Amino acid sequence: MPLRSKLLAWVEPQNGQEVLAAFVGGAATKRAPATQLCASSAEARKWVEDEAAAIGLPVEWLTAAPGS
């Protein structure tokens, strides 16, 4: 079993109004994150939550990308 069985997620403002949603597996912080460009922070968070639910993992929300 992985050391950390959750997704580490964050959102980043982009281009004024768009928001980049991103996440990585808790045990794979060196990998490139999964990302989705969204119209709002709410949409970004929903996308991450939906992806996490699809694979059955909880989400830990971060203020920035791991290691930044």
C-alpha atoms as a PDB file:
ATOM      1  CA  MET A   1       0.000   0.000   0.000  1.00  0.00           C
ATOM      2  CA  PRO A   2       1.308   3.511  -0.790  1.00  0.00           C
ATOM      3  CA  LEU A   3       2.685   5.588   2.036  1.00  0.00           C
ATOM      4  CA  ARG A   4       0.045   8.255   1.395  1.00  0.00           C
ATOM      5  CA  SER A   5      -3.204   7.060  -0.141  1.00  0.00           C
ATOM      6  CA  LYS A   6      -4.740  10.432  -1.005  1.00  0.00           C
ATOM      7  CA  LEU A   7      -4.527  13.047  -3.702  1.00  0.00           C
ATOM      8  CA  LEU A   8      -2.656  16.281  -3.079  1.00  0.00           C
ATOM      9  CA  ALA A   9      -4.519  19.045  -4.918  1.00  0.00           C
ATOM     10  CA  TRP A  10      -4.236  22.782  -5.486  1.00  0.00           C
ATOM     11  CA  VAL A  11      -5.650  25.514  -7.708  1.00  0.00           C
ATOM     12  CA  GLU A  12      -3.707  28.307  -9.403  1.00  0.00           C
ATOM     13  CA  PRO A  13      -5.146  31.470 -10.989  1.00  0.00           C
ATOM     14  CA  GLN A  14      -4.336  31.707 -14.722  1.00  0.00           C
ATOM     15  CA  ASN A  15      -4.816  34.475 -17.297  1.00  0.00           C
ATOM     16  CA  GLY A  16      -6.984  36.689 -15.128  1.00  0.00           C
ATOM     17  CA  GLN A  17     -10.198  34.657 -14.914  1.00  0.00           C
ATOM     18  CA  GLU A  18      -9.288  31.020 -15.539  1.00  0.00           C
ATOM     19  CA  VAL A  19      -8.075  28.639 -12.846  1.00  0.00           C
ATOM     20  CA  LEU A  20      -5.745  25.661 -13.217  1.00  0.00           C
ATOM     21  CA  ALA A  21      -6.770  22.654 -11.123  1.00  0.00           C
ATOM     22  CA  ALA A  22      -3.985  20.175 -10.400  1.00  0.00           C
ATOM     23  CA  PHE A  23      -3.353  17.050  -8.354  1.00  0.00           C
ATOM     24  CA  VAL A  24      -0.830  14.286  -7.773  1.00  0.00           C
ATOM     25  CA  GLY A  25      -0.947  11.085  -5.796  1.00  0.00           C
ATOM     26  CA  GLY A  26       0.398  11.591  -2.298  1.00  0.00           C
ATOM     27  CA  ALA A  27       3.166   9.044  -2.845  1.00  0.00           C
ATOM     28  CA  ALA A  28       4.081  10.425  -6.304  1.00  0.00           C
ATOM     29  CA  THR A  29       4.860  14.096  -5.689  1.00  0.00           C
ATOM     30  CA  LYS A  30       7.795  14.015  -8.158  1.00  0.00           C
ATOM     31  CA  ARG A  31       5.457  13.199 -11.093  1.00  0.00           C
ATOM     32  CA  ALA A  32       3.815  15.811 -13.281  1.00  0.00           C
ATOM     33  CA  PRO A  33       0.349  16.593 -11.941  1.00  0.00           C
ATOM     34  CA  ALA A  34      -2.935  15.897 -13.654  1.00  0.00           C
ATOM     35  CA  THR A  35      -4.324  19.288 -14.679  1.00  0.00           C
ATOM     36  CA  GLN A  36      -7.487  20.876 -16.015  1.00  0.00           C
ATOM     37  CA  LEU A  37      -8.090  24.500 -16.969  1.00  0.00           C
ATOM     38  CA  CYS A  38     -11.388  25.668 -15.431  1.00  0.00           C
ATOM     39  CA  ALA A  39     -13.557  28.773 -15.518  1.00  0.00           C
ATOM     40  CA  SER A  40     -13.679  29.196 -11.727  1.00  0.00           C
ATOM     41  CA  SER A  41     -12.219  27.967  -8.450  1.00  0.00           C
ATOM     42  CA  ALA A  42     -15.481  26.157  -7.704  1.00  0.00           C
ATOM     43  CA  GLU A  43     -15.338  24.335 -11.037  1.00  0.00           C
ATOM     44  CA  ALA A  44     -11.665  23.474 -10.418  1.00  0.00           C
ATOM     45  CA  ARG A  45     -12.387  22.024  -6.983  1.00  0.00           C
ATOM     46  CA  LYS A  46     -15.344  20.050  -8.346  1.00  0.00           C
ATOM     47  CA  TRP A  47     -13.169  18.539 -11.094  1.00  0.00           C
ATOM     48  CA  VAL A  48     -10.571  17.410  -8.540  1.00  0.00           C
ATOM     49  CA  GLU A  49     -13.243  16.021  -6.185  1.00  0.00           C
ATOM     50  CA  ASP A  50     -14.909  14.136  -9.065  1.00  0.00           C
ATOM     51  CA  GLU A  51     -11.569  12.623 -10.155  1.00  0.00           C
ATOM     52  CA  ALA A  52     -10.762  11.627  -6.577  1.00  0.00           C
ATOM     53  CA  ALA A  53     -14.196  10.013  -6.160  1.00  0.00           C
ATOM     54  CA  ALA A  54     -13.712   8.069  -9.391  1.00  0.00           C
ATOM     55  CA  ILE A  55     -10.579   6.423  -7.993  1.00  0.00           C
ATOM     56  CA  GLY A  56     -11.801   6.252  -4.394  1.00  0.00           C
ATOM     57  CA  LEU A  57      -9.255   8.529  -2.720  1.00  0.00           C
ATOM     58  CA  PRO A  58      -9.663  11.494  -0.377  1.00  0.00           C
ATOM     59  CA  VAL A  59      -8.253  14.914  -1.290  1.00  0.00           C
ATOM     60  CA  GLU A  60      -5.837  17.017   0.733  1.00  0.00           C
ATOM     61  CA  TRP A  61      -6.003  20.616  -0.467  1.00  0.00           C
ATOM     62  CA  LEU A  62      -2.694  22.495  -0.602  1.00  0.00           C
ATOM     63  CA  THR A  63      -2.078  26.199  -1.058  1.00  0.00           C
ATOM     64  CA  ALA A  64       0.554  25.534  -3.750  1.00  0.00           C
ATOM     65  CA  ALA A  65       2.158  22.678  -5.655  1.00  0.00           C
ATOM     66  CA  PRO A  66       4.205  20.286  -3.494  1.00  0.00           C
ATOM     67  CA  GLY A  67       7.816  21.376  -3.339  1.00  0.00           C
ATOM     68  CA  SER A  68       7.163  24.905  -4.601  1.00  0.00           C
END
